């Protein structure tokens, strides 16, 4: 959960400063940590948790991909690309985060 949140926040940080051509170092680090964390979760998570975190992972990957494609197209992300990625990240937060968190909490309380 913490690595997913940090990864999302680093994408948002770049979007916030996108006209200043920010350094992507923190985003890339957050992405690597999240990928490792996600791989570990796949080994131990219940089927219900996996059903929640896999779409979340795909959504974050899609937002990252759209950010990178937008940036590569012109050397910087455009206003339109910014809005597309921002909407994707908002959708992840609004429609997937709570369900994923609740599924994990339920899973942890039943395995003790």
PDB file of N, CA and C in Angstrom:
ATOM      1  N   UNK A   1       0.827  -1.187   0.000  1.00  0.00           N
ATOM      2  CA  UNK A   1       0.000   0.000   0.000  1.00  0.00           C
ATOM      3  C   UNK A   1       0.874   1.255   0.000  1.00  0.00           C
ATOM      4  N   UNK A   2       1.890   1.268   0.823  1.00  0.00           N
ATOM      5  CA  UNK A   2       2.737   2.461   0.908  1.00  0.00           C
ATOM      6  C   UNK A   2       3.491   2.682  -0.401  1.00  0.00           C
ATOM      7  N   UNK A   3       3.982   1.617  -0.993  1.00  0.00           N
ATOM      8  CA  UNK A   3       4.728   1.791  -2.245  1.00  0.00           C
ATOM      9  C   UNK A   3       3.806   2.215  -3.386  1.00  0.00           C
ATOM     10  N   UNK A   4       2.578   1.724  -3.393  1.00  0.00           N
ATOM     11  CA  UNK A   4       1.611   2.124  -4.420  1.00  0.00           C
ATOM     12  C   UNK A   4       1.275   3.602  -4.268  1.00  0.00           C
ATOM     13  N   UNK A   5       1.068   3.998  -3.049  1.00  0.00           N
ATOM     14  CA  UNK A   5       0.742   5.406  -2.790  1.00  0.00           C
ATOM     15  C   UNK A   5       1.906   6.314  -3.194  1.00  0.00           C
ATOM     16  N   UNK A   6       3.119   5.926  -2.849  1.00  0.00           N
ATOM     17  CA  UNK A   6       4.288   6.724  -3.188  1.00  0.00           C
ATOM     18  C   UNK A   6       4.483   6.815  -4.708  1.00  0.00           C
ATOM     19  N   UNK A   7       4.285   5.715  -5.398  1.00  0.00           N
ATOM     20  CA  UNK A   7       4.407   5.696  -6.856  1.00  0.00           C
ATOM     21  C   UNK A   7       3.402   6.664  -7.479  1.00  0.00           C
ATOM     22  N   UNK A   8       2.164   6.596  -7.038  1.00  0.00           N
ATOM     23  CA  UNK A   8       1.129   7.497  -7.546  1.00  0.00           C
ATOM     24  C   UNK A   8       1.486   8.953  -7.245  1.00  0.00           C
ATOM     25  N   UNK A   9       1.962   9.212  -6.038  1.00  0.00           N
ATOM     26  CA  UNK A   9       2.328  10.574  -5.662  1.00  0.00           C
ATOM     27  C   UNK A   9       3.489  11.109  -6.497  1.00  0.00           C
ATOM     28  N   UNK A  10       4.436  10.255  -6.831  1.00  0.00           N
ATOM     29  CA  UNK A  10       5.563  10.712  -7.654  1.00  0.00           C
ATOM     30  C   UNK A  10       5.106  11.053  -9.076  1.00  0.00           C
ATOM     31  N   UNK A  11       4.157  10.312  -9.599  1.00  0.00           N
ATOM     32  CA  UNK A  11       3.601  10.684 -10.910  1.00  0.00           C
ATOM     33  C   UNK A  11       2.912  12.033 -10.782  1.00  0.00           C
ATOM     34  N   UNK A  12       2.122  12.200  -9.721  1.00  0.00           N
ATOM     35  CA  UNK A  12       1.439  13.485  -9.501  1.00  0.00           C
ATOM     36  C   UNK A  12       2.433  14.630  -9.322  1.00  0.00           C
ATOM     37  N   UNK A  13       3.528  14.379  -8.630  1.00  0.00           N
ATOM     38  CA  UNK A  13       4.547  15.416  -8.450  1.00  0.00           C
ATOM     39  C   UNK A  13       5.103  15.874  -9.792  1.00  0.00           C
ATOM     40  N   UNK A  14       5.362  14.928 -10.682  1.00  0.00           N
ATOM     41  CA  UNK A  14       5.862  15.307 -12.005  1.00  0.00           C
ATOM     42  C   UNK A  14       4.810  16.077 -12.782  1.00  0.00           C
ATOM     43  N   UNK A  15       3.571  15.671 -12.652  1.00  0.00           N
ATOM     44  CA  UNK A  15       2.505  16.384 -13.347  1.00  0.00           C
ATOM     45  C   UNK A  15       2.365  17.805 -12.812  1.00  0.00           C
ATOM     46  N   UNK A  16       2.538  17.959 -11.519  1.00  0.00           N
ATOM     47  CA  UNK A  16       2.417  19.283 -10.910  1.00  0.00           C
ATOM     48  C   UNK A  16       3.469  20.247 -11.480  1.00  0.00           C
ATOM     49  N   UNK A  17       4.662  19.734 -11.727  1.00  0.00           N
ATOM     50  CA  UNK A  17       5.777  20.560 -12.213  1.00  0.00           C
ATOM     51  C   UNK A  17       6.120  20.270 -13.671  1.00  0.00           C
ATOM     52  N   UNK A  18       5.177  19.759 -14.438  1.00  0.00           N
ATOM     53  CA  UNK A  18       5.500  19.266 -15.773  1.00  0.00           C
ATOM     54  C   UNK A  18       6.060  20.330 -16.712  1.00  0.00           C
ATOM     55  N   UNK A  19       5.721  21.580 -16.528  1.00  0.00           N
ATOM     56  CA  UNK A  19       6.240  22.621 -17.424  1.00  0.00           C
ATOM     57  C   UNK A  19       7.674  23.007 -17.083  1.00  0.00           C
ATOM     58  N   UNK A  20       8.151  22.574 -15.928  1.00  0.00           N
ATOM     59  CA  UNK A  20       9.520  22.884 -15.500  1.00  0.00           C
ATOM     60  C   UNK A  20      10.495  21.766 -15.843  1.00  0.00           C
ATOM     61  N   UNK A  21      10.028  20.738 -16.575  1.00  0.00           N
ATOM     62  CA  UNK A  21      10.850  19.593 -16.963  1.00  0.00           C
ATOM     63  C   UNK A  21      11.570  18.991 -15.746  1.00  0.00           C
ATOM     64  N   UNK A  22      10.804  18.472 -14.803  1.00  0.00           N
ATOM     65  CA  UNK A  22      11.397  17.956 -13.561  1.00  0.00           C
ATOM     66  C   UNK A  22      12.205  16.679 -13.792  1.00  0.00           C
ATOM     67  N   UNK A  23      13.068  16.397 -12.836  1.00  0.00           N
ATOM     68  CA  UNK A  23      13.884  15.187 -12.848  1.00  0.00           C
ATOM     69  C   UNK A  23      12.993  13.990 -12.507  1.00  0.00           C
ATOM     70  N   UNK A  24      13.071  12.952 -13.306  1.00  0.00           N
ATOM     71  CA  UNK A  24      12.224  11.772 -13.084  1.00  0.00           C
ATOM     72  C   UNK A  24      12.852  10.750 -12.143  1.00  0.00           C
ATOM     73  N   UNK A  25      13.967  11.068 -11.533  1.00  0.00           N
ATOM     74  CA  UNK A  25      14.683  10.119 -10.678  1.00  0.00           C
ATOM     75  C   UNK A  25      13.792   9.541  -9.580  1.00  0.00           C
ATOM     76  N   UNK A  26      13.033  10.394  -8.891  1.00  0.00           N
ATOM     77  CA  UNK A  26      12.197   9.922  -7.787  1.00  0.00           C
ATOM     78  C   UNK A  26      11.047   9.046  -8.291  1.00  0.00           C
ATOM     79  N   UNK A  27      10.508   9.396  -9.450  1.00  0.00           N
ATOM     80  CA  UNK A  27       9.459   8.567 -10.040  1.00  0.00           C
ATOM     81  C   UNK A  27      10.000   7.182 -10.385  1.00  0.00           C
ATOM     82  N   UNK A  28      11.151   7.135 -11.012  1.00  0.00           N
ATOM     83  CA  UNK A  28      11.716   5.845 -11.409  1.00  0.00           C
ATOM     84  C   UNK A  28      12.046   4.986 -10.197  1.00  0.00           C
ATOM     85  N   UNK A  29      12.550   5.610  -9.143  1.00  0.00           N
ATOM     86  CA  UNK A  29      12.831   4.875  -7.909  1.00  0.00           C
ATOM     87  C   UNK A  29      11.540   4.341  -7.290  1.00  0.00           C
ATOM     88  N   UNK A  30      10.511   5.179  -7.223  1.00  0.00           N
ATOM     89  CA  UNK A  30       9.219   4.757  -6.667  1.00  0.00           C
ATOM     90  C   UNK A  30       8.616   3.638  -7.508  1.00  0.00           C
ATOM     91  N   UNK A  31       8.773   3.722  -8.796  1.00  0.00           N
ATOM     92  CA  UNK A  31       8.246   2.693  -9.694  1.00  0.00           C
ATOM     93  C   UNK A  31       8.938   1.350  -9.450  1.00  0.00           C
ATOM     94  N   UNK A  32      10.256   1.367  -9.336  1.00  0.00           N
ATOM     95  CA  UNK A  32      11.004   0.122  -9.092  1.00  0.00           C
ATOM     96  C   UNK A  32      10.598  -0.514  -7.768  1.00  0.00           C
ATOM     97  N   UNK A  33      10.484   0.301  -6.728  1.00  0.00           N
ATOM     98  CA  UNK A  33      10.099  -0.215  -5.408  1.00  0.00           C
ATOM     99  C   UNK A  33       8.688  -0.798  -5.470  1.00  0.00           C
ATOM    100  N   UNK A  34       7.780  -0.127  -6.162  1.00  0.00           N
ATOM    101  CA  UNK A  34       6.418  -0.626  -6.290  1.00  0.00           C
ATOM    102  C   UNK A  34       6.385  -1.955  -7.037  1.00  0.00           C
ATOM    103  N   UNK A  35       7.144  -2.074  -8.116  1.00  0.00           N
ATOM    104  CA  UNK A  35       7.158  -3.310  -8.900  1.00  0.00           C
ATOM    105  C   UNK A  35       7.623  -4.485  -8.034  1.00  0.00           C
ATOM    106  N   UNK A  36       8.649  -4.281  -7.229  1.00  0.00           N
ATOM    107  CA  UNK A  36       9.128  -5.336  -6.323  1.00  0.00           C
ATOM    108  C   UNK A  36       8.051  -5.671  -5.294  1.00  0.00           C
ATOM    109  N   UNK A  37       7.453  -4.659  -4.711  1.00  0.00           N
ATOM    110  CA  UNK A  37       6.408  -4.866  -3.715  1.00  0.00           C
ATOM    111  C   UNK A  37       5.212  -5.611  -4.308  1.00  0.00           C
ATOM    112  N   UNK A  38       4.830  -5.231  -5.506  1.00  0.00           N
ATOM    113  CA  UNK A  38       3.716  -5.888  -6.183  1.00  0.00           C
ATOM    114  C   UNK A  38       4.038  -7.355  -6.449  1.00  0.00           C
ATOM    115  N   UNK A  39       5.253  -7.633  -6.881  1.00  0.00           N
ATOM    116  CA  UNK A  39       5.663  -9.020  -7.131  1.00  0.00           C
ATOM    117  C   UNK A  39       5.609  -9.845  -5.849  1.00  0.00           C
ATOM    118  N   UNK A  40       6.042  -9.260  -4.745  1.00  0.00           N
ATOM    119  CA  UNK A  40       5.987  -9.955  -3.456  1.00  0.00           C
ATOM    120  C   UNK A  40       4.542 -10.213  -3.040  1.00  0.00           C
ATOM    121  N   UNK A  41       3.677  -9.230  -3.242  1.00  0.00           N
ATOM    122  CA  UNK A  41       2.262  -9.392  -2.886  1.00  0.00           C
ATOM    123  C   UNK A  41       1.619 -10.507  -3.696  1.00  0.00           C
ATOM    124  N   UNK A  42       2.013 -10.647  -4.944  1.00  0.00           N
ATOM    125  CA  UNK A  42       1.450 -11.708  -5.779  1.00  0.00           C
ATOM    126  C   UNK A  42       1.759 -13.092  -5.236  1.00  0.00           C
ATOM    127  N   UNK A  43       2.829 -13.210  -4.487  1.00  0.00           N
ATOM    128  CA  UNK A  43       3.206 -14.507  -3.928  1.00  0.00           C
ATOM    129  C   UNK A  43       2.409 -14.886  -2.688  1.00  0.00           C
ATOM    130  N   UNK A  44       1.919 -13.893  -1.952  1.00  0.00           N
ATOM    131  CA  UNK A  44       1.286 -14.193  -0.663  1.00  0.00           C
ATOM    132  C   UNK A  44      -0.170 -13.763  -0.558  1.00  0.00           C
ATOM    133  N   UNK A  45      -0.636 -12.957  -1.469  1.00  0.00           N
ATOM    134  CA  UNK A  45      -1.991 -12.410  -1.364  1.00  0.00           C
ATOM    135  C   UNK A  45      -3.054 -13.446  -1.708  1.00  0.00           C
ATOM    136  N   UNK A  46      -4.196 -13.281  -1.082  1.00  0.00           N
ATOM    137  CA  UNK A  46      -5.334 -14.146  -1.392  1.00  0.00           C
ATOM    138  C   UNK A  46      -5.875 -13.801  -2.779  1.00  0.00           C
ATOM    139  N   UNK A  47      -6.723 -14.644  -3.288  1.00  0.00           N
ATOM    140  CA  UNK A  47      -7.323 -14.405  -4.609  1.00  0.00           C
ATOM    141  C   UNK A  47      -8.125 -13.108  -4.620  1.00  0.00           C
ATOM    142  N   UNK A  48      -8.832 -12.821  -3.525  1.00  0.00           N
ATOM    143  CA  UNK A  48      -9.612 -11.594  -3.463  1.00  0.00           C
ATOM    144  C   UNK A  48      -8.710 -10.360  -3.528  1.00  0.00           C
ATOM    145  N   UNK A  49      -7.614 -10.383  -2.793  1.00  0.00           N
ATOM    146  CA  UNK A  49      -6.672  -9.260  -2.817  1.00  0.00           C
ATOM    147  C   UNK A  49      -6.071  -9.123  -4.208  1.00  0.00           C
ATOM    148  N   UNK A  50      -5.676 -10.218  -4.800  1.00  0.00           N
ATOM    149  CA  UNK A  50      -5.108 -10.157  -6.159  1.00  0.00           C
ATOM    150  C   UNK A  50      -6.094  -9.576  -7.158  1.00  0.00           C
ATOM    151  N   UNK A  51      -7.368  -9.907  -6.978  1.00  0.00           N
ATOM    152  CA  UNK A  51      -8.390  -9.355  -7.875  1.00  0.00           C
ATOM    153  C   UNK A  51      -8.515  -7.843  -7.745  1.00  0.00           C
ATOM    154  N   UNK A  52      -8.079  -7.295  -6.615  1.00  0.00           N
ATOM    155  CA  UNK A  52      -8.127  -5.842  -6.408  1.00  0.00           C
ATOM    156  C   UNK A  52      -6.814  -5.163  -6.795  1.00  0.00           C
ATOM    157  N   UNK A  53      -5.678  -5.811  -6.493  1.00  0.00           N
ATOM    158  CA  UNK A  53      -4.408  -5.128  -6.751  1.00  0.00           C
ATOM    159  C   UNK A  53      -3.959  -5.228  -8.207  1.00  0.00           C
ATOM    160  N   UNK A  54      -4.363  -6.259  -8.904  1.00  0.00           N
ATOM    161  CA  UNK A  54      -3.938  -6.354 -10.305  1.00  0.00           C
ATOM    162  C   UNK A  54      -4.516  -5.231 -11.165  1.00  0.00           C
ATOM    163  N   UNK A  55      -5.807  -4.903 -11.070  1.00  0.00           N
ATOM    164  CA  UNK A  55      -6.298  -3.747 -11.839  1.00  0.00           C
ATOM    165  C   UNK A  55      -5.647  -2.438 -11.392  1.00  0.00           C
ATOM    166  N   UNK A  56      -5.387  -2.318 -10.095  1.00  0.00           N
ATOM    167  CA  UNK A  56      -4.711  -1.128  -9.578  1.00  0.00           C
ATOM    168  C   UNK A  56      -3.327  -1.011 -10.211  1.00  0.00           C
ATOM    169  N   UNK A  57      -2.607  -2.113 -10.245  1.00  0.00           N
ATOM    170  CA  UNK A  57      -1.279  -2.139 -10.865  1.00  0.00           C
ATOM    171  C   UNK A  57      -1.360  -1.759 -12.343  1.00  0.00           C
ATOM    172  N   UNK A  58      -2.323  -2.318 -13.038  1.00  0.00           N
ATOM    173  CA  UNK A  58      -2.473  -2.017 -14.462  1.00  0.00           C
ATOM    174  C   UNK A  58      -2.821  -0.545 -14.676  1.00  0.00           C
ATOM    175  N   UNK A  59      -3.622   0.009 -13.802  1.00  0.00           N
ATOM    176  CA  UNK A  59      -3.979   1.425 -13.918  1.00  0.00           C
ATOM    177  C   UNK A  59      -2.780   2.327 -13.678  1.00  0.00           C
ATOM    178  N   UNK A  60      -1.982   2.011 -12.661  1.00  0.00           N
ATOM    179  CA  UNK A  60      -0.770   2.794 -12.413  1.00  0.00           C
ATOM    180  C   UNK A  60       0.199   2.665 -13.583  1.00  0.00           C
ATOM    181  N   UNK A  61       0.339   1.459 -14.094  1.00  0.00           N
ATOM    182  CA  UNK A  61       1.224   1.252 -15.243  1.00  0.00           C
ATOM    183  C   UNK A  61       0.722   2.041 -16.450  1.00  0.00           C
ATOM    184  N   UNK A  62      -0.584   2.092 -16.636  1.00  0.00           N
ATOM    185  CA  UNK A  62      -1.163   2.857 -17.736  1.00  0.00           C
ATOM    186  C   UNK A  62      -0.908   4.341 -17.585  1.00  0.00           C
ATOM    187  N   UNK A  63      -1.045   4.860 -16.373  1.00  0.00           N
ATOM    188  CA  UNK A  63      -0.779   6.284 -16.125  1.00  0.00           C
ATOM    189  C   UNK A  63       0.688   6.599 -16.376  1.00  0.00           C
ATOM    190  N   UNK A  64       1.571   5.737 -15.891  1.00  0.00           N
ATOM    191  CA  UNK A  64       3.011   5.919 -16.126  1.00  0.00           C
ATOM    192  C   UNK A  64       3.304   5.885 -17.630  1.00  0.00           C
ATOM    193  N   UNK A  65       2.746   4.905 -18.316  1.00  0.00           N
ATOM    194  CA  UNK A  65       2.956   4.766 -19.754  1.00  0.00           C
ATOM    195  C   UNK A  65       2.487   6.011 -20.500  1.00  0.00           C
ATOM    196  N   UNK A  66       1.300   6.484 -20.179  1.00  0.00           N
ATOM    197  CA  UNK A  66       0.776   7.675 -20.848  1.00  0.00           C
ATOM    198  C   UNK A  66       1.624   8.908 -20.552  1.00  0.00           C
ATOM    199  N   UNK A  67       2.138   9.004 -19.329  1.00  0.00           N
ATOM    200  CA  UNK A  67       3.033  10.112 -18.998  1.00  0.00           C
ATOM    201  C   UNK A  67       4.292  10.037 -19.864  1.00  0.00           C
ATOM    202  N   UNK A  68       4.906   8.870 -19.910  1.00  0.00           N
ATOM    203  CA  UNK A  68       6.159   8.708 -20.656  1.00  0.00           C
ATOM    204  C   UNK A  68       5.937   8.942 -22.154  1.00  0.00           C
ATOM    205  N   UNK A  69       4.869   8.391 -22.712  1.00  0.00           N
ATOM    206  CA  UNK A  69       4.573   8.586 -24.133  1.00  0.00           C
ATOM    207  C   UNK A  69       4.349  10.068 -24.425  1.00  0.00           C
ATOM    208  N   UNK A  70       3.589  10.737 -23.591  1.00  0.00           N
ATOM    209  CA  UNK A  70       3.353  12.169 -23.770  1.00  0.00           C
ATOM    210  C   UNK A  70       4.642  12.963 -23.717  1.00  0.00           C
ATOM    211  N   UNK A  71       5.515  12.600 -22.802  1.00  0.00           N
ATOM    212  CA  UNK A  71       6.786  13.302 -22.657  1.00  0.00           C
ATOM    213  C   UNK A  71       7.702  13.038 -23.849  1.00  0.00           C
ATOM    214  N   UNK A  72       7.731  11.809 -24.321  1.00  0.00           N
ATOM    215  CA  UNK A  72       8.612  11.458 -25.450  1.00  0.00           C
ATOM    216  C   UNK A  72       8.158  12.086 -26.762  1.00  0.00           C
ATOM    217  N   UNK A  73       6.874  12.290 -26.888  1.00  0.00           N
ATOM    218  CA  UNK A  73       6.336  12.821 -28.140  1.00  0.00           C
ATOM    219  C   UNK A  73       6.921  14.191 -28.454  1.00  0.00           C
ATOM    220  N   UNK A  74       7.011  15.056 -27.453  1.00  0.00           N
ATOM    221  CA  UNK A  74       7.456  16.433 -27.695  1.00  0.00           C
ATOM    222  C   UNK A  74       8.622  16.844 -26.809  1.00  0.00           C
ATOM    223  N   UNK A  75       9.077  15.958 -25.966  1.00  0.00           N
ATOM    224  CA  UNK A  75      10.125  16.323 -25.015  1.00  0.00           C
ATOM    225  C   UNK A  75       9.574  16.819 -23.696  1.00  0.00           C
ATOM    226  N   UNK A  76       8.278  17.080 -23.673  1.00  0.00           N
ATOM    227  CA  UNK A  76       7.608  17.449 -22.426  1.00  0.00           C
ATOM    228  C   UNK A  76       6.150  17.030 -22.547  1.00  0.00           C
ATOM    229  N   UNK A  77       5.532  16.855 -21.422  1.00  0.00           N
ATOM    230  CA  UNK A  77       4.133  16.427 -21.441  1.00  0.00           C
ATOM    231  C   UNK A  77       3.253  17.638 -21.757  1.00  0.00           C
ATOM    232  N   UNK A  78       2.289  17.447 -22.632  1.00  0.00           N
ATOM    233  CA  UNK A  78       1.413  18.551 -23.031  1.00  0.00           C
ATOM    234  C   UNK A  78       0.266  18.701 -22.030  1.00  0.00           C
ATOM    235  N   UNK A  79      -0.457  19.815 -22.149  1.00  0.00           N
ATOM    236  CA  UNK A  79      -1.606  20.036 -21.268  1.00  0.00           C
ATOM    237  C   UNK A  79      -2.629  18.924 -21.407  1.00  0.00           C
ATOM    238  N   UNK A  80      -2.886  18.465 -22.627  1.00  0.00           N
ATOM    239  CA  UNK A  80      -3.849  17.391 -22.847  1.00  0.00           C
ATOM    240  C   UNK A  80      -3.374  16.093 -22.208  1.00  0.00           C
ATOM    241  N   UNK A  81      -2.104  15.747 -22.414  1.00  0.00           N
ATOM    242  CA  UNK A  81      -1.548  14.536 -21.801  1.00  0.00           C
ATOM    243  C   UNK A  81      -1.612  14.637 -20.282  1.00  0.00           C
ATOM    244  N   UNK A  82      -1.319  15.816 -19.771  1.00  0.00           N
ATOM    245  CA  UNK A  82      -1.385  16.053 -18.336  1.00  0.00           C
ATOM    246  C   UNK A  82      -2.783  15.723 -17.810  1.00  0.00           C
ATOM    247  N   UNK A  83      -3.812  16.210 -18.495  1.00  0.00           N
ATOM    248  CA  UNK A  83      -5.187  15.992 -18.047  1.00  0.00           C
ATOM    249  C   UNK A  83      -5.575  14.518 -18.124  1.00  0.00           C
ATOM    250  N   UNK A  84      -5.150  13.828 -19.165  1.00  0.00           N
ATOM    251  CA  UNK A  84      -5.455  12.399 -19.302  1.00  0.00           C
ATOM    252  C   UNK A  84      -4.849  11.615 -18.145  1.00  0.00           C
ATOM    253  N   UNK A  85      -3.574  11.857 -17.868  1.00  0.00           N
ATOM    254  CA  UNK A  85      -2.896  11.131 -16.789  1.00  0.00           C
ATOM    255  C   UNK A  85      -3.491  11.517 -15.438  1.00  0.00           C
ATOM    256  N   UNK A  86      -3.765  12.775 -15.256  1.00  0.00           N
ATOM    257  CA  UNK A  86      -4.352  13.233 -13.992  1.00  0.00           C
ATOM    258  C   UNK A  86      -5.708  12.556 -13.740  1.00  0.00           C
ATOM    259  N   UNK A  87      -6.533  12.465 -14.781  1.00  0.00           N
ATOM    260  CA  UNK A  87      -7.839  11.794 -14.637  1.00  0.00           C
ATOM    261  C   UNK A  87      -7.647  10.319 -14.305  1.00  0.00           C
ATOM    262  N   UNK A  88      -6.661   9.678 -14.934  1.00  0.00           N
ATOM    263  CA  UNK A  88      -6.398   8.267 -14.635  1.00  0.00           C
ATOM    264  C   UNK A  88      -6.015   8.096 -13.166  1.00  0.00           C
ATOM    265  N   UNK A  89      -5.145   8.959 -12.675  1.00  0.00           N
ATOM    266  CA  UNK A  89      -4.710   8.864 -11.277  1.00  0.00           C
ATOM    267  C   UNK A  89      -5.843   9.163 -10.308  1.00  0.00           C
ATOM    268  N   UNK A  90      -6.674  10.120 -10.653  1.00  0.00           N
ATOM    269  CA  UNK A  90      -7.842  10.401  -9.817  1.00  0.00           C
ATOM    270  C   UNK A  90      -8.794   9.207  -9.787  1.00  0.00           C
ATOM    271  N   UNK A  91      -8.990   8.575 -10.930  1.00  0.00           N
ATOM    272  CA  UNK A  91      -9.861   7.403 -11.008  1.00  0.00           C
ATOM    273  C   UNK A  91      -9.313   6.260 -10.155  1.00  0.00           C
ATOM    274  N   UNK A  92      -8.005   6.052 -10.204  1.00  0.00           N
ATOM    275  CA  UNK A  92      -7.382   5.016  -9.375  1.00  0.00           C
ATOM    276  C   UNK A  92      -7.699   5.282  -7.905  1.00  0.00           C
ATOM    277  N   UNK A  93      -7.493   6.516  -7.489  1.00  0.00           N
ATOM    278  CA  UNK A  93      -7.709   6.868  -6.088  1.00  0.00           C
ATOM    279  C   UNK A  93      -9.178   6.743  -5.706  1.00  0.00           C
ATOM    280  N   UNK A  94     -10.054   7.289  -6.546  1.00  0.00           N
ATOM    281  CA  UNK A  94     -11.475   7.334  -6.223  1.00  0.00           C
ATOM    282  C   UNK A  94     -12.171   5.984  -6.332  1.00  0.00           C
ATOM    283  N   UNK A  95     -11.744   5.147  -7.260  1.00  0.00           N
ATOM    284  CA  UNK A  95     -12.509   3.935  -7.563  1.00  0.00           C
ATOM    285  C   UNK A  95     -11.798   2.621  -7.252  1.00  0.00           C
ATOM    286  N   UNK A  96     -10.516   2.660  -6.927  1.00  0.00           N
ATOM    287  CA  UNK A  96      -9.816   1.403  -6.681  1.00  0.00           C
ATOM    288  C   UNK A  96      -9.112   1.344  -5.333  1.00  0.00           C
ATOM    289  N   UNK A  97      -8.631   2.473  -4.858  1.00  0.00           N
ATOM    290  CA  UNK A  97      -7.796   2.485  -3.648  1.00  0.00           C
ATOM    291  C   UNK A  97      -8.514   1.897  -2.443  1.00  0.00           C
ATOM    292  N   UNK A  98      -9.696   2.382  -2.128  1.00  0.00           N
ATOM    293  CA  UNK A  98     -10.405   1.914  -0.939  1.00  0.00           C
ATOM    294  C   UNK A  98     -10.754   0.437  -1.021  1.00  0.00           C
ATOM    295  N   UNK A  99     -11.193  -0.023  -2.191  1.00  0.00           N
ATOM    296  CA  UNK A  99     -11.528  -1.445  -2.347  1.00  0.00           C
ATOM    297  C   UNK A  99     -10.286  -2.310  -2.146  1.00  0.00           C
ATOM    298  N   UNK A 100      -9.155  -1.860  -2.670  1.00  0.00           N
ATOM    299  CA  UNK A 100      -7.913  -2.614  -2.507  1.00  0.00           C
ATOM    300  C   UNK A 100      -7.507  -2.639  -1.034  1.00  0.00           C
ATOM    301  N   UNK A 101      -7.551  -1.496  -0.382  1.00  0.00           N
ATOM    302  CA  UNK A 101      -7.162  -1.420   1.024  1.00  0.00           C
ATOM    303  C   UNK A 101      -8.072  -2.288   1.902  1.00  0.00           C
ATOM    304  N   UNK A 102      -9.372  -2.205   1.679  1.00  0.00           N
ATOM    305  CA  UNK A 102     -10.304  -3.001   2.484  1.00  0.00           C
ATOM    306  C   UNK A 102     -10.113  -4.495   2.265  1.00  0.00           C
ATOM    307  N   UNK A 103      -9.857  -4.890   1.049  1.00  0.00           N
ATOM    308  CA  UNK A 103      -9.605  -6.296   0.760  1.00  0.00           C
ATOM    309  C   UNK A 103      -8.354  -6.789   1.487  1.00  0.00           C
ATOM    310  N   UNK A 104      -7.317  -5.977   1.500  1.00  0.00           N
ATOM    311  CA  UNK A 104      -6.082  -6.348   2.200  1.00  0.00           C
ATOM    312  C   UNK A 104      -6.301  -6.420   3.703  1.00  0.00           C
ATOM    313  N   UNK A 105      -7.012  -5.447   4.240  1.00  0.00           N
ATOM    314  CA  UNK A 105      -7.284  -5.452   5.682  1.00  0.00           C
ATOM    315  C   UNK A 105      -8.095  -6.692   6.080  1.00  0.00           C
ATOM    316  N   UNK A 106      -9.083  -7.021   5.293  1.00  0.00           N
ATOM    317  CA  UNK A 106      -9.902  -8.203   5.559  1.00  0.00           C
ATOM    318  C   UNK A 106      -9.042  -9.459   5.504  1.00  0.00           C
ATOM    319  N   UNK A 107      -8.191  -9.527   4.505  1.00  0.00           N
ATOM    320  CA  UNK A 107      -7.315 -10.683   4.337  1.00  0.00           C
ATOM    321  C   UNK A 107      -6.370 -10.839   5.524  1.00  0.00           C
ATOM    322  N   UNK A 108      -5.813  -9.753   6.001  1.00  0.00           N
ATOM    323  CA  UNK A 108      -4.892  -9.800   7.132  1.00  0.00           C
ATOM    324  C   UNK A 108      -5.594 -10.209   8.420  1.00  0.00           C
ATOM    325  N   UNK A 109      -6.813  -9.762   8.618  1.00  0.00           N
ATOM    326  CA  UNK A 109      -7.508 -10.090   9.857  1.00  0.00           C
ATOM    327  C   UNK A 109      -7.994 -11.527   9.891  1.00  0.00           C
ATOM    328  N   UNK A 110      -8.169 -12.162   8.749  1.00  0.00           N
ATOM    329  CA  UNK A 110      -8.623 -13.548   8.727  1.00  0.00           C
ATOM    330  C   UNK A 110      -7.475 -14.535   8.696  1.00  0.00           C
ATOM    331  N   UNK A 111      -6.249 -14.049   8.483  1.00  0.00           N
ATOM    332  CA  UNK A 111      -5.133 -14.978   8.438  1.00  0.00           C
ATOM    333  C   UNK A 111      -4.410 -15.096   9.772  1.00  0.00           C
ATOM    334  N   UNK A 112      -4.796 -14.295  10.751  1.00  0.00           N
ATOM    335  CA  UNK A 112      -4.096 -14.286  12.033  1.00  0.00           C
ATOM    336  C   UNK A 112      -4.539 -15.366  12.864  1.00  0.00           C
TER     337      UNK A 112
END
